[in-house]
Amino acid sequence: WSCPGTVAESACHSSNVCLSTHSHFMFQHAGTEKSVFPLPEPQDLFQAAQVKFEDITKDIRKLKRDLTACEKDVHKVCANSSEEHLQPFQEKMEGFISDQRITENEQIETELCSESCVSDYFGSKPKAGEKEVAPSHVFMLWYEFCNDFKNTWIRQNKNISKEREEQGLAASLAPSLGPITHTHTHTLT
């Protein structure tokens, strides 16, 4: 198997190792409709590469301001409402705001971690002269790898399917032809 030049040689080696290792674990379903691609779909990684973390950060800040304004409006309404008209509005709005504060805290944690965590998780190092690895760069590298891997995986699955069909045909003919011995080898093509 040779790489088409879009992925580094080490990724090619990794792809061969991954495919060989994975074929061992997926062999029972290899070449069948039950066989499932073991990595993220390349298109999902491509879409992830399009995400702009700066835009997400801006959106989170805007939502935080909107929630604060909403909370102030709720307090005004509650302060100016008679006790008989206060419920269930106050209870529902306090629950809503509380839920949003929890979500907001989770978003802030995610925001603080997002860019560095992506590159750390995938083991990417910044290029010379750069402080950080852009998440889009990491996702594009993995997109290329997964895309190449998927193409190889599809070819390999087809080969295994064809091999299984041939074995099934040979097995169905075996009683009339006498004993036939089979050797089973998998090679990456």
N, C-alpha and C. Protein backbone atom coordinates (compact mmCIF):
# COMPACT_ATOMS: atom_id res chain seq x y z
N TRP A 1 0.85 -1.17 0.00
CA TRP A 1 0.00 0.00 0.00
C TRP A 1 0.89 1.22 0.00
N SER A 2 0.59 2.17 -0.83
CA SER A 2 1.39 3.39 -0.85
C SER A 2 0.49 4.59 -0.64
N CYS A 3 1.04 5.61 0.00
CA CYS A 3 0.26 6.80 0.28
C CYS A 3 0.23 7.70 -0.93
N PRO A 4 -0.87 8.38 -1.15
CA PRO A 4 -0.97 9.27 -2.29
C PRO A 4 -0.27 10.61 -2.08
N GLY A 5 0.49 10.76 -1.03
CA GLY A 5 1.24 12.00 -0.81
C GLY A 5 0.53 12.99 0.09
N THR A 6 -0.68 12.72 0.49
CA THR A 6 -1.39 13.66 1.35
C THR A 6 -1.10 13.41 2.82
N VAL A 7 -0.54 12.28 3.13
CA VAL A 7 -0.28 11.92 4.52
C VAL A 7 1.19 11.58 4.66
N ALA A 8 1.76 11.96 5.78
CA ALA A 8 3.18 11.69 6.01
C ALA A 8 3.45 10.19 6.03
N GLU A 9 4.71 9.82 5.76
CA GLU A 9 5.06 8.40 5.73
C GLU A 9 4.75 7.72 7.05
N SER A 10 4.95 8.42 8.14
CA SER A 10 4.66 7.80 9.44
C SER A 10 3.18 7.46 9.55
N ALA A 11 2.34 8.30 8.98
CA ALA A 11 0.91 8.01 8.99
C ALA A 11 0.61 6.79 8.14
N CYS A 12 1.35 6.62 7.04
CA CYS A 12 1.17 5.43 6.20
C CYS A 12 1.50 4.19 7.01
N HIS A 13 2.63 4.24 7.70
CA HIS A 13 3.02 3.10 8.53
C HIS A 13 1.96 2.86 9.59
N SER A 14 1.50 3.94 10.22
CA SER A 14 0.46 3.82 11.25
C SER A 14 -0.80 3.23 10.66
N SER A 15 -1.14 3.64 9.45
CA SER A 15 -2.34 3.13 8.81
C SER A 15 -2.22 1.63 8.58
N ASN A 16 -1.06 1.18 8.12
CA ASN A 16 -0.86 -0.26 7.92
C ASN A 16 -0.96 -1.01 9.24
N VAL A 17 -0.34 -0.47 10.27
CA VAL A 17 -0.38 -1.11 11.58
C VAL A 17 -1.81 -1.12 12.10
N CYS A 18 -2.49 0.03 12.00
CA CYS A 18 -3.87 0.12 12.47
C CYS A 18 -4.76 -0.85 11.72
N LEU A 19 -4.63 -0.88 10.40
CA LEU A 19 -5.48 -1.74 9.60
C LEU A 19 -5.20 -3.20 9.92
N SER A 20 -3.93 -3.55 10.06
CA SER A 20 -3.58 -4.93 10.39
C SER A 20 -4.13 -5.31 11.76
N THR A 21 -3.93 -4.43 12.73
CA THR A 21 -4.43 -4.69 14.08
C THR A 21 -5.94 -4.75 14.09
N HIS A 22 -6.55 -3.78 13.42
CA HIS A 22 -8.00 -3.74 13.42
C HIS A 22 -8.59 -4.95 12.69
N SER A 23 -7.96 -5.38 11.60
CA SER A 23 -8.51 -6.51 10.87
C SER A 23 -8.54 -7.76 11.74
N HIS A 24 -7.60 -7.85 12.68
CA HIS A 24 -7.62 -8.98 13.62
C HIS A 24 -8.89 -8.94 14.47
N PHE A 25 -9.24 -7.75 14.98
CA PHE A 25 -10.39 -7.63 15.86
C PHE A 25 -11.72 -7.64 15.11
N MET A 26 -11.72 -7.16 13.88
CA MET A 26 -12.98 -7.09 13.15
C MET A 26 -13.16 -8.27 12.21
N PHE A 27 -12.26 -9.24 12.24
CA PHE A 27 -12.28 -10.31 11.26
C PHE A 27 -13.61 -11.03 11.20
N GLN A 28 -14.25 -11.22 12.33
CA GLN A 28 -15.51 -11.95 12.31
C GLN A 28 -16.57 -11.25 11.46
N HIS A 29 -16.48 -9.92 11.32
CA HIS A 29 -17.44 -9.18 10.50
C HIS A 29 -16.82 -8.63 9.23
N ALA A 30 -15.54 -8.84 9.03
CA ALA A 30 -14.86 -8.29 7.86
C ALA A 30 -15.52 -8.81 6.58
N GLY A 31 -15.71 -7.91 5.66
CA GLY A 31 -16.29 -8.29 4.38
C GLY A 31 -17.79 -8.50 4.41
N THR A 32 -18.43 -8.18 5.54
CA THR A 32 -19.88 -8.33 5.64
C THR A 32 -20.50 -6.95 5.85
N GLU A 33 -21.81 -6.91 5.80
CA GLU A 33 -22.50 -5.64 6.03
C GLU A 33 -22.40 -5.18 7.48
N LYS A 34 -22.04 -6.09 8.38
CA LYS A 34 -21.90 -5.75 9.79
C LYS A 34 -20.58 -5.05 10.10
N SER A 35 -19.68 -5.05 9.15
CA SER A 35 -18.38 -4.41 9.34
C SER A 35 -18.57 -2.91 9.46
N VAL A 36 -18.01 -2.32 10.52
CA VAL A 36 -18.19 -0.90 10.79
C VAL A 36 -16.83 -0.21 10.74
N PHE A 37 -16.78 0.91 10.05
CA PHE A 37 -15.54 1.69 9.96
C PHE A 37 -15.13 2.11 11.37
N PRO A 38 -13.88 1.81 11.78
CA PRO A 38 -13.48 1.98 13.18
C PRO A 38 -13.05 3.39 13.59
N LEU A 39 -12.95 4.30 12.66
CA LEU A 39 -12.48 5.65 12.97
C LEU A 39 -13.59 6.66 12.71
N PRO A 40 -13.38 7.91 13.14
CA PRO A 40 -14.39 8.92 12.82
C PRO A 40 -14.52 9.06 11.30
N GLU A 41 -15.71 9.39 10.86
CA GLU A 41 -15.91 9.61 9.43
C GLU A 41 -15.05 10.80 8.99
N PRO A 42 -14.34 10.67 7.88
CA PRO A 42 -13.50 11.77 7.42
C PRO A 42 -14.26 13.09 7.27
N GLN A 43 -15.49 13.03 6.80
CA GLN A 43 -16.28 14.25 6.61
C GLN A 43 -16.53 14.96 7.94
N ASP A 44 -16.70 14.19 9.02
CA ASP A 44 -16.89 14.80 10.34
C ASP A 44 -15.65 15.57 10.77
N LEU A 45 -14.48 15.00 10.49
CA LEU A 45 -13.23 15.69 10.83
C LEU A 45 -13.04 16.93 9.97
N PHE A 46 -13.44 16.84 8.71
CA PHE A 46 -13.35 18.00 7.83
C PHE A 46 -14.23 19.13 8.37
N GLN A 47 -15.44 18.78 8.78
CA GLN A 47 -16.34 19.79 9.35
C GLN A 47 -15.79 20.35 10.66
N ALA A 48 -15.18 19.52 11.47
CA ALA A 48 -14.58 19.99 12.72
C ALA A 48 -13.46 20.99 12.44
N ALA A 49 -12.75 20.79 11.34
CA ALA A 49 -11.66 21.70 10.97
C ALA A 49 -12.19 23.08 10.62
N GLN A 50 -13.46 23.17 10.26
CA GLN A 50 -14.05 24.45 9.87
C GLN A 50 -14.50 25.28 11.07
N VAL A 51 -14.54 24.66 12.25
CA VAL A 51 -14.99 25.36 13.46
C VAL A 51 -13.97 26.42 13.84
N LYS A 52 -14.46 27.59 14.13
CA LYS A 52 -13.60 28.70 14.57
C LYS A 52 -13.84 28.89 16.07
N PHE A 53 -12.84 28.53 16.86
CA PHE A 53 -12.99 28.62 18.31
C PHE A 53 -13.21 30.05 18.77
N GLU A 54 -12.66 31.01 18.04
CA GLU A 54 -12.86 32.41 18.40
C GLU A 54 -14.34 32.78 18.30
N ASP A 55 -15.01 32.29 17.26
CA ASP A 55 -16.44 32.57 17.09
C ASP A 55 -17.25 31.93 18.22
N ILE A 56 -16.87 30.74 18.61
CA ILE A 56 -17.57 30.07 19.71
C ILE A 56 -17.40 30.87 21.00
N THR A 57 -16.19 31.36 21.23
CA THR A 57 -15.92 32.17 22.42
C THR A 57 -16.79 33.43 22.42
N LYS A 58 -16.88 34.09 21.27
CA LYS A 58 -17.74 35.29 21.17
C LYS A 58 -19.19 34.95 21.44
N ASP A 59 -19.65 33.83 20.87
CA ASP A 59 -21.04 33.42 21.07
C ASP A 59 -21.32 33.12 22.54
N ILE A 60 -20.38 32.49 23.21
CA ILE A 60 -20.56 32.17 24.64
C ILE A 60 -20.64 33.46 25.45
N ARG A 61 -19.79 34.43 25.13
CA ARG A 61 -19.84 35.71 25.85
C ARG A 61 -21.18 36.41 25.64
N LYS A 62 -21.68 36.37 24.40
CA LYS A 62 -22.97 37.00 24.10
C LYS A 62 -24.09 36.30 24.86
N LEU A 63 -24.07 34.98 24.88
CA LEU A 63 -25.09 34.24 25.62
C LEU A 63 -25.03 34.57 27.11
N LYS A 64 -23.83 34.74 27.63
CA LYS A 64 -23.68 35.09 29.04
C LYS A 64 -24.31 36.46 29.32
N ARG A 65 -24.06 37.43 28.44
CA ARG A 65 -24.67 38.76 28.61
C ARG A 65 -26.19 38.67 28.50
N ASP A 66 -26.67 37.89 27.53
CA ASP A 66 -28.12 37.73 27.35
C ASP A 66 -28.76 37.08 28.58
N LEU A 67 -28.08 36.11 29.16
CA LEU A 67 -28.61 35.43 30.34
C LEU A 67 -28.66 36.39 31.53
N THR A 68 -27.62 37.21 31.67
CA THR A 68 -27.60 38.20 32.76
C THR A 68 -28.75 39.19 32.58
N ALA A 69 -28.98 39.64 31.35
CA ALA A 69 -30.09 40.57 31.08
C ALA A 69 -31.43 39.89 31.38
N CYS A 70 -31.56 38.63 30.99
CA CYS A 70 -32.79 37.88 31.25
C CYS A 70 -33.03 37.75 32.75
N GLU A 71 -31.97 37.48 33.48
CA GLU A 71 -32.08 37.33 34.93
C GLU A 71 -32.55 38.64 35.57
N LYS A 72 -32.02 39.77 35.10
CA LYS A 72 -32.44 41.08 35.62
C LYS A 72 -33.92 41.32 35.32
N ASP A 73 -34.34 40.96 34.09
CA ASP A 73 -35.74 41.15 33.72
C ASP A 73 -36.66 40.28 34.59
N VAL A 74 -36.24 39.07 34.88
CA VAL A 74 -37.04 38.18 35.73
C VAL A 74 -37.18 38.79 37.12
N HIS A 75 -36.08 39.32 37.66
CA HIS A 75 -36.14 39.95 38.99
C HIS A 75 -37.08 41.15 38.98
N LYS A 76 -37.05 41.95 37.90
CA LYS A 76 -37.95 43.11 37.81
C LYS A 76 -39.41 42.66 37.79
N VAL A 77 -39.69 41.65 36.95
CA VAL A 77 -41.07 41.16 36.84
C VAL A 77 -41.54 40.61 38.19
N CYS A 78 -40.68 39.85 38.84
CA CYS A 78 -41.05 39.26 40.14
C CYS A 78 -41.25 40.34 41.20
N ALA A 79 -40.41 41.37 41.17
CA ALA A 79 -40.52 42.44 42.15
C ALA A 79 -41.79 43.27 41.95
N ASN A 80 -42.24 43.38 40.70
CA ASN A 80 -43.41 44.21 40.39
C ASN A 80 -44.71 43.41 40.26
N SER A 81 -44.67 42.12 40.55
CA SER A 81 -45.87 41.29 40.43
C SER A 81 -46.46 41.01 41.80
N SER A 82 -47.77 40.87 41.80
CA SER A 82 -48.42 40.51 43.07
C SER A 82 -48.15 39.04 43.35
N GLU A 83 -48.25 38.69 44.60
CA GLU A 83 -47.94 37.32 45.04
C GLU A 83 -48.83 36.29 44.33
N GLU A 84 -50.07 36.64 44.06
CA GLU A 84 -50.99 35.69 43.43
C GLU A 84 -50.63 35.40 41.97
N HIS A 85 -49.91 36.32 41.31
CA HIS A 85 -49.53 36.12 39.90
C HIS A 85 -48.07 35.70 39.74
N LEU A 86 -47.39 35.54 40.83
CA LEU A 86 -45.95 35.26 40.79
C LEU A 86 -45.63 33.83 40.34
N GLN A 87 -46.44 32.88 40.79
CA GLN A 87 -46.17 31.48 40.44
C GLN A 87 -47.09 31.06 39.30
N PRO A 88 -46.70 30.25 38.40
CA PRO A 88 -45.47 29.45 38.34
C PRO A 88 -44.31 30.17 37.63
N PHE A 89 -44.54 31.45 37.23
CA PHE A 89 -43.50 32.17 36.48
C PHE A 89 -42.16 32.17 37.21
N GLN A 90 -42.16 32.59 38.46
CA GLN A 90 -40.91 32.71 39.20
C GLN A 90 -40.19 31.37 39.32
N GLU A 91 -40.92 30.33 39.66
CA GLU A 91 -40.32 29.00 39.81
C GLU A 91 -39.71 28.51 38.50
N LYS A 92 -40.46 28.65 37.42
CA LYS A 92 -39.97 28.17 36.12
C LYS A 92 -38.76 28.98 35.64
N MET A 93 -38.81 30.28 35.82
CA MET A 93 -37.70 31.12 35.36
C MET A 93 -36.45 30.92 36.21
N GLU A 94 -36.61 30.75 37.52
CA GLU A 94 -35.45 30.48 38.37
C GLU A 94 -34.81 29.14 37.99
N GLY A 95 -35.65 28.15 37.69
CA GLY A 95 -35.14 26.85 37.24
C GLY A 95 -34.40 26.97 35.92
N PHE A 96 -34.99 27.74 35.00
CA PHE A 96 -34.36 27.96 33.69
C PHE A 96 -33.00 28.64 33.85
N ILE A 97 -32.95 29.71 34.63
CA ILE A 97 -31.70 30.45 34.81
C ILE A 97 -30.66 29.59 35.51
N SER A 98 -31.08 28.83 36.49
CA SER A 98 -30.16 27.93 37.19
C SER A 98 -29.56 26.90 36.22
N ASP A 99 -30.42 26.30 35.40
CA ASP A 99 -29.94 25.33 34.40
C ASP A 99 -28.96 25.98 33.43
N GLN A 100 -29.26 27.21 33.03
CA GLN A 100 -28.40 27.90 32.07
C GLN A 100 -27.05 28.27 32.70
N ARG A 101 -27.05 28.59 33.98
CA ARG A 101 -25.78 28.89 34.67
C ARG A 101 -24.89 27.65 34.72
N ILE A 102 -25.50 26.50 34.96
CA ILE A 102 -24.73 25.24 34.97
C ILE A 102 -24.15 25.00 33.58
N THR A 103 -24.98 25.15 32.55
CA THR A 103 -24.52 24.98 31.17
C THR A 103 -23.44 25.99 30.84
N GLU A 104 -23.62 27.22 31.30
CA GLU A 104 -22.65 28.28 31.05
C GLU A 104 -21.29 27.92 31.66
N ASN A 105 -21.29 27.40 32.88
CA ASN A 105 -20.03 27.01 33.53
C ASN A 105 -19.35 25.88 32.76
N GLU A 106 -20.14 24.95 32.25
CA GLU A 106 -19.57 23.86 31.44
C GLU A 106 -18.97 24.42 30.16
N GLN A 107 -19.64 25.39 29.54
CA GLN A 107 -19.14 26.00 28.31
C GLN A 107 -17.83 26.74 28.57
N ILE A 108 -17.75 27.43 29.69
CA ILE A 108 -16.53 28.17 30.02
C ILE A 108 -15.37 27.20 30.21
N GLU A 109 -15.63 26.08 30.92
CA GLU A 109 -14.58 25.07 31.09
C GLU A 109 -14.14 24.53 29.73
N THR A 110 -15.10 24.26 28.87
CA THR A 110 -14.80 23.75 27.53
C THR A 110 -14.00 24.78 26.75
N GLU A 111 -14.41 26.04 26.85
CA GLU A 111 -13.74 27.12 26.13
C GLU A 111 -12.28 27.24 26.57
N LEU A 112 -12.04 27.15 27.87
CA LEU A 112 -10.68 27.28 28.39
C LEU A 112 -9.79 26.14 27.91
N CYS A 113 -10.38 25.00 27.72
CA CYS A 113 -9.61 23.82 27.37
C CYS A 113 -9.54 23.56 25.87
N SER A 114 -10.52 23.99 25.13
CA SER A 114 -10.76 23.52 23.77
C SER A 114 -9.55 23.49 22.85
N GLU A 115 -8.93 24.62 22.60
CA GLU A 115 -7.86 24.64 21.60
C GLU A 115 -6.66 23.82 22.03
N SER A 116 -6.19 24.03 23.24
CA SER A 116 -5.00 23.30 23.68
C SER A 116 -5.31 21.82 23.87
N CYS A 117 -6.52 21.52 24.34
CA CYS A 117 -6.88 20.12 24.55
C CYS A 117 -6.94 19.34 23.25
N VAL A 118 -7.43 19.97 22.20
CA VAL A 118 -7.50 19.29 20.91
C VAL A 118 -6.11 18.89 20.45
N SER A 119 -5.19 19.84 20.46
CA SER A 119 -3.84 19.52 19.99
C SER A 119 -3.12 18.57 20.95
N ASP A 120 -3.35 18.72 22.25
CA ASP A 120 -2.73 17.80 23.22
C ASP A 120 -3.27 16.39 23.04
N TYR A 121 -4.59 16.27 22.87
CA TYR A 121 -5.22 14.97 22.74
C TYR A 121 -4.66 14.22 21.53
N PHE A 122 -4.50 14.93 20.43
CA PHE A 122 -4.01 14.29 19.21
C PHE A 122 -2.49 14.29 19.12
N GLY A 123 -1.82 14.81 20.15
CA GLY A 123 -0.36 14.74 20.19
C GLY A 123 0.33 15.64 19.19
N SER A 124 -0.28 16.77 18.86
CA SER A 124 0.32 17.68 17.88
C SER A 124 1.24 18.67 18.58
N LYS A 125 2.31 18.98 17.91
CA LYS A 125 3.27 19.96 18.41
C LYS A 125 3.24 21.18 17.48
N PRO A 126 3.42 22.38 18.04
CA PRO A 126 3.42 23.57 17.18
C PRO A 126 4.62 23.58 16.24
N LYS A 127 4.42 24.22 15.09
CA LYS A 127 5.52 24.37 14.14
C LYS A 127 6.54 25.34 14.73
N ALA A 128 7.73 25.31 14.20
CA ALA A 128 8.78 26.21 14.68
C ALA A 128 8.31 27.66 14.57
N GLY A 129 8.47 28.41 15.65
CA GLY A 129 8.08 29.81 15.66
C GLY A 129 6.63 30.05 16.04
N GLU A 130 5.85 29.01 16.23
CA GLU A 130 4.45 29.17 16.61
C GLU A 130 4.26 28.71 18.06
N LYS A 131 3.33 29.37 18.75
CA LYS A 131 3.08 29.02 20.15
C LYS A 131 2.13 27.84 20.30
N GLU A 132 1.12 27.79 19.42
CA GLU A 132 0.09 26.75 19.53
C GLU A 132 -0.17 26.12 18.18
N VAL A 133 -0.78 24.96 18.23
CA VAL A 133 -1.23 24.29 17.02
C VAL A 133 -2.70 24.65 16.83
N ALA A 134 -3.03 25.13 15.66
CA ALA A 134 -4.43 25.47 15.39
C ALA A 134 -5.25 24.18 15.32
N PRO A 135 -6.39 24.14 16.02
CA PRO A 135 -7.22 22.94 15.96
C PRO A 135 -7.60 22.56 14.53
N SER A 136 -7.80 23.56 13.68
CA SER A 136 -8.16 23.25 12.29
C SER A 136 -7.05 22.45 11.61
N HIS A 137 -5.81 22.76 11.95
CA HIS A 137 -4.67 22.02 11.38
C HIS A 137 -4.69 20.56 11.86
N VAL A 138 -4.95 20.38 13.14
CA VAL A 138 -5.00 19.03 13.71
C VAL A 138 -6.12 18.22 13.04
N PHE A 139 -7.29 18.83 12.93
CA PHE A 139 -8.42 18.12 12.33
C PHE A 139 -8.17 17.81 10.86
N MET A 140 -7.49 18.70 10.14
CA MET A 140 -7.20 18.44 8.73
C MET A 140 -6.20 17.29 8.59
N LEU A 141 -5.22 17.22 9.48
CA LEU A 141 -4.29 16.08 9.44
C LEU A 141 -5.04 14.77 9.66
N TRP A 142 -5.92 14.78 10.65
CA TRP A 142 -6.68 13.57 10.94
C TRP A 142 -7.70 13.28 9.85
N TYR A 143 -8.22 14.32 9.21
CA TYR A 143 -9.13 14.12 8.08
C TYR A 143 -8.39 13.36 6.97
N GLU A 144 -7.19 13.83 6.64
CA GLU A 144 -6.42 13.18 5.58
C GLU A 144 -6.11 11.73 5.95
N PHE A 145 -5.69 11.53 7.18
CA PHE A 145 -5.37 10.17 7.62
C PHE A 145 -6.60 9.27 7.55
N CYS A 146 -7.71 9.72 8.12
CA CYS A 146 -8.93 8.90 8.14
C CYS A 146 -9.47 8.67 6.74
N ASN A 147 -9.35 9.66 5.88
CA ASN A 147 -9.81 9.51 4.51
C ASN A 147 -8.99 8.43 3.79
N ASP A 148 -7.67 8.50 3.91
CA ASP A 148 -6.81 7.48 3.31
C ASP A 148 -7.08 6.11 3.93
N PHE A 149 -7.21 6.09 5.24
CA PHE A 149 -7.47 4.84 5.94
C PHE A 149 -8.80 4.24 5.49
N LYS A 150 -9.82 5.08 5.34
CA LYS A 150 -11.13 4.57 4.93
C LYS A 150 -11.08 3.99 3.53
N ASN A 151 -10.37 4.66 2.63
CA ASN A 151 -10.25 4.12 1.27
C ASN A 151 -9.58 2.75 1.29
N THR A 152 -8.54 2.61 2.08
CA THR A 152 -7.86 1.32 2.21
C THR A 152 -8.76 0.30 2.88
N TRP A 153 -9.46 0.73 3.90
CA TRP A 153 -10.37 -0.14 4.64
C TRP A 153 -11.47 -0.68 3.72
N ILE A 154 -12.01 0.18 2.86
CA ILE A 154 -13.06 -0.25 1.92
C ILE A 154 -12.50 -1.29 0.95
N ARG A 155 -11.32 -1.01 0.40
CA ARG A 155 -10.70 -1.98 -0.52
C ARG A 155 -10.46 -3.31 0.18
N GLN A 156 -9.92 -3.24 1.39
CA GLN A 156 -9.62 -4.46 2.14
C GLN A 156 -10.90 -5.23 2.45
N ASN A 157 -11.95 -4.52 2.81
CA ASN A 157 -13.23 -5.16 3.10
C ASN A 157 -13.78 -5.87 1.86
N LYS A 158 -13.63 -5.22 0.70
CA LYS A 158 -14.08 -5.84 -0.55
C LYS A 158 -13.28 -7.10 -0.85
N ASN A 159 -11.96 -7.03 -0.63
CA ASN A 159 -11.11 -8.21 -0.85
C ASN A 159 -11.51 -9.36 0.06
N ILE A 160 -11.77 -9.05 1.32
CA ILE A 160 -12.17 -10.09 2.27
C ILE A 160 -13.52 -10.66 1.89
N SER A 161 -14.44 -9.80 1.46
CA SER A 161 -15.76 -10.26 1.04
C SER A 161 -15.64 -11.21 -0.15
N LYS A 162 -14.83 -10.83 -1.11
CA LYS A 162 -14.62 -11.67 -2.29
C LYS A 162 -13.99 -13.00 -1.88
N GLU A 163 -13.03 -12.94 -0.98
CA GLU A 163 -12.36 -14.15 -0.50
C GLU A 163 -13.36 -15.06 0.22
N ARG A 164 -14.24 -14.47 1.02
CA ARG A 164 -15.25 -15.27 1.72
C ARG A 164 -16.22 -15.92 0.74
N GLU A 165 -16.59 -15.17 -0.30
CA GLU A 165 -17.47 -15.74 -1.32
C GLU A 165 -16.81 -16.93 -2.00
N GLU A 166 -15.53 -16.77 -2.33
CA GLU A 166 -14.79 -17.86 -2.97
C GLU A 166 -14.69 -19.06 -2.05
N GLN A 167 -14.45 -18.81 -0.76
CA GLN A 167 -14.37 -19.91 0.20
C GLN A 167 -15.72 -20.60 0.34
N GLY A 168 -16.80 -19.81 0.34
CA GLY A 168 -18.14 -20.38 0.43
C GLY A 168 -18.46 -21.23 -0.77
N LEU A 169 -18.06 -20.77 -1.95
CA LEU A 169 -18.28 -21.54 -3.18
C LEU A 169 -17.46 -22.81 -3.15
N ALA A 170 -16.21 -22.70 -2.72
CA ALA A 170 -15.34 -23.88 -2.64
C ALA A 170 -15.88 -24.87 -1.61
N ALA A 171 -16.41 -24.37 -0.51
CA ALA A 171 -16.95 -25.25 0.53
C ALA A 171 -18.20 -25.97 0.03
N SER A 172 -19.01 -25.27 -0.76
CA SER A 172 -20.23 -25.91 -1.27
C SER A 172 -19.89 -26.97 -2.32
N LEU A 173 -18.76 -26.82 -3.01
CA LEU A 173 -18.33 -27.81 -4.00
C LEU A 173 -17.50 -28.92 -3.37
N ALA A 174 -17.01 -28.71 -2.18
CA ALA A 174 -16.08 -29.63 -1.52
C ALA A 174 -16.60 -31.07 -1.42
N PRO A 175 -17.85 -31.32 -1.04
CA PRO A 175 -18.28 -32.72 -0.92
C PRO A 175 -18.15 -33.49 -2.23
N SER A 176 -18.36 -32.84 -3.34
CA SER A 176 -18.28 -33.54 -4.61
C SER A 176 -16.84 -33.65 -5.12
N LEU A 177 -15.95 -32.78 -4.65
CA LEU A 177 -14.58 -32.78 -5.13
C LEU A 177 -13.60 -33.47 -4.19
N GLY A 178 -14.02 -33.80 -3.01
CA GLY A 178 -13.12 -34.39 -2.04
C GLY A 178 -12.50 -33.31 -1.17
N PRO A 179 -11.57 -33.69 -0.30
CA PRO A 179 -10.99 -32.72 0.64
C PRO A 179 -10.16 -31.65 -0.08
N ILE A 180 -10.38 -30.40 0.33
CA ILE A 180 -9.62 -29.27 -0.20
C ILE A 180 -9.04 -28.54 1.00
N THR A 181 -7.78 -28.21 0.91
CA THR A 181 -7.16 -27.45 2.01
C THR A 181 -7.07 -26.00 1.60
N HIS A 182 -7.31 -25.12 2.57
CA HIS A 182 -7.28 -23.68 2.31
C HIS A 182 -6.22 -23.04 3.19
N THR A 183 -5.50 -22.13 2.61
CA THR A 183 -4.62 -21.29 3.42
C THR A 183 -5.21 -19.90 3.36
N HIS A 184 -5.20 -19.22 4.49
CA HIS A 184 -5.84 -17.92 4.57
C HIS A 184 -4.80 -16.86 4.90
N THR A 185 -4.59 -15.94 4.00
CA THR A 185 -3.67 -14.84 4.26
C THR A 185 -4.34 -13.54 3.90
N HIS A 186 -4.02 -12.52 4.67
CA HIS A 186 -4.52 -11.17 4.38
C HIS A 186 -3.33 -10.30 4.06
N THR A 187 -3.41 -9.64 2.94
CA THR A 187 -2.37 -8.67 2.61
C THR A 187 -3.03 -7.36 2.30
N LEU A 188 -2.36 -6.30 2.64
CA LEU A 188 -2.88 -4.97 2.33
C LEU A 188 -2.57 -4.67 0.88
N THR A 189 -3.57 -4.21 0.17
CA THR A 189 -3.35 -3.86 -1.24
C THR A 189 -3.54 -2.39 -1.44
